[in-house]
Amino acid sequence: MVYHTLVQKDLDEAWRYYEDASAGLGDSFFDEFLTVIATIQRNPAHWPPTDKGRRVAQFSRFPYKLL
């Protein structure tokens, strides 16, 4: 899997945002990120391609997507 260079920065900012909102929520966000990554690794074709040919994995609990 290839990560864009800004992924870590985005993850850190999102984790801080959710952790500031409620203790433990940042960890829940990161856990969901890892779950989405694992799902992509197991079955990358799970999500249909967009009109630009990219697949977009939607988080279930948080308003985030992975391309």
C-alpha atoms as a PDB file:
ATOM      1  CA  MET A   1       0.000   0.000   0.000  1.00  0.00           C
ATOM      2  CA  VAL A   2       1.264   3.460  -0.885  1.00  0.00           C
ATOM      3  CA  TYR A   3       0.596   6.377   1.445  1.00  0.00           C
ATOM      4  CA  HIS A   4       0.585   9.986   0.318  1.00  0.00           C
ATOM      5  CA  THR A   5       3.166  12.047   2.193  1.00  0.00           C
ATOM      6  CA  LEU A   6       0.470  14.076   3.975  1.00  0.00           C
ATOM      7  CA  VAL A   7      -1.334  11.052   5.445  1.00  0.00           C
ATOM      8  CA  GLN A   8       0.580  11.119   8.752  1.00  0.00           C
ATOM      9  CA  LYS A   9      -0.052  14.849   9.164  1.00  0.00           C
ATOM     10  CA  ASP A  10      -3.772  14.397   8.484  1.00  0.00           C
ATOM     11  CA  LEU A  11      -3.972  11.453  10.882  1.00  0.00           C
ATOM     12  CA  ASP A  12      -2.218  13.391  13.644  1.00  0.00           C
ATOM     13  CA  GLU A  13      -4.518  16.391  13.204  1.00  0.00           C
ATOM     14  CA  ALA A  14      -7.668  14.258  13.132  1.00  0.00           C
ATOM     15  CA  TRP A  15      -6.543  12.276  16.175  1.00  0.00           C
ATOM     16  CA  ARG A  16      -5.910  15.507  18.121  1.00  0.00           C
ATOM     17  CA  TYR A  17      -9.263  16.959  17.060  1.00  0.00           C
ATOM     18  CA  TYR A  18     -11.210  13.915  18.232  1.00  0.00           C
ATOM     19  CA  GLU A  19      -9.142  13.440  21.376  1.00  0.00           C
ATOM     20  CA  ASP A  20      -9.731  17.097  22.328  1.00  0.00           C
ATOM     21  CA  ALA A  21     -13.463  16.573  21.786  1.00  0.00           C
ATOM     22  CA  SER A  22     -13.602  13.507  24.032  1.00  0.00           C
ATOM     23  CA  ALA A  23     -10.933  11.430  25.742  1.00  0.00           C
ATOM     24  CA  GLY A  24     -10.462   8.169  23.852  1.00  0.00           C
ATOM     25  CA  LEU A  25     -12.251   9.333  20.711  1.00  0.00           C
ATOM     26  CA  GLY A  26      -8.923   9.937  18.964  1.00  0.00           C
ATOM     27  CA  ASP A  27      -7.965   6.331  19.638  1.00  0.00           C
ATOM     28  CA  SER A  28     -11.330   5.178  18.270  1.00  0.00           C
ATOM     29  CA  PHE A  29     -10.656   7.186  15.120  1.00  0.00           C
ATOM     30  CA  PHE A  30      -7.217   5.619  14.697  1.00  0.00           C
ATOM     31  CA  ASP A  31      -8.629   2.131  15.327  1.00  0.00           C
ATOM     32  CA  GLU A  32     -11.145   2.699  12.550  1.00  0.00           C
ATOM     33  CA  PHE A  33      -8.352   3.914  10.252  1.00  0.00           C
ATOM     34  CA  LEU A  34      -6.485   0.651  10.885  1.00  0.00           C
ATOM     35  CA  THR A  35      -9.670  -1.346  10.249  1.00  0.00           C
ATOM     36  CA  VAL A  36     -10.235   0.391   6.918  1.00  0.00           C
ATOM     37  CA  ILE A  37      -6.594  -0.225   5.941  1.00  0.00           C
ATOM     38  CA  ALA A  38      -6.913  -3.919   6.836  1.00  0.00           C
ATOM     39  CA  THR A  39     -10.136  -4.186   4.799  1.00  0.00           C
ATOM     40  CA  ILE A  40      -8.444  -2.578   1.803  1.00  0.00           C
ATOM     41  CA  GLN A  41      -5.526  -4.984   2.090  1.00  0.00           C
ATOM     42  CA  ARG A  42      -7.831  -8.022   2.289  1.00  0.00           C
ATOM     43  CA  ASN A  43     -10.142  -6.959  -0.519  1.00  0.00           C
ATOM     44  CA  PRO A  44      -9.078  -3.866  -2.477  1.00  0.00           C
ATOM     45  CA  ALA A  45     -11.940  -4.299  -4.957  1.00  0.00           C
ATOM     46  CA  HIS A  46     -14.567  -4.054  -2.195  1.00  0.00           C
ATOM     47  CA  TRP A  47     -15.368  -0.459  -3.143  1.00  0.00           C
ATOM     48  CA  PRO A  48     -16.424   0.338  -6.703  1.00  0.00           C
ATOM     49  CA  PRO A  49     -14.152   2.647  -8.703  1.00  0.00           C
ATOM     50  CA  THR A  50     -15.120   6.292  -9.082  1.00  0.00           C
ATOM     51  CA  ASP A  51     -15.460   7.925 -12.489  1.00  0.00           C
ATOM     52  CA  LYS A  52     -11.720   8.686 -12.280  1.00  0.00           C
ATOM     53  CA  GLY A  53     -10.890   5.021 -11.631  1.00  0.00           C
ATOM     54  CA  ARG A  54     -10.040   5.463  -7.954  1.00  0.00           C
ATOM     55  CA  ARG A  55     -11.557   3.407  -5.198  1.00  0.00           C
ATOM     56  CA  VAL A  56     -12.746   5.285  -2.118  1.00  0.00           C
ATOM     57  CA  ALA A  57     -13.029   3.536   1.247  1.00  0.00           C
ATOM     58  CA  GLN A  58     -15.476   5.310   3.561  1.00  0.00           C
ATOM     59  CA  PHE A  59     -15.053   5.190   7.332  1.00  0.00           C
ATOM     60  CA  SER A  60     -18.218   4.023   9.038  1.00  0.00           C
ATOM     61  CA  ARG A  61     -18.106   6.136  12.209  1.00  0.00           C
ATOM     62  CA  PHE A  62     -16.114   9.191  11.152  1.00  0.00           C
ATOM     63  CA  PRO A  63     -16.499  11.514   8.144  1.00  0.00           C
ATOM     64  CA  TYR A  64     -13.302  10.345   6.454  1.00  0.00           C
ATOM     65  CA  LYS A  65     -12.466   8.514   3.252  1.00  0.00           C
ATOM     66  CA  LEU A  66      -9.333   6.833   1.962  1.00  0.00           C
ATOM     67  CA  LEU A  67      -8.531   6.963  -1.755  1.00  0.00           C
END
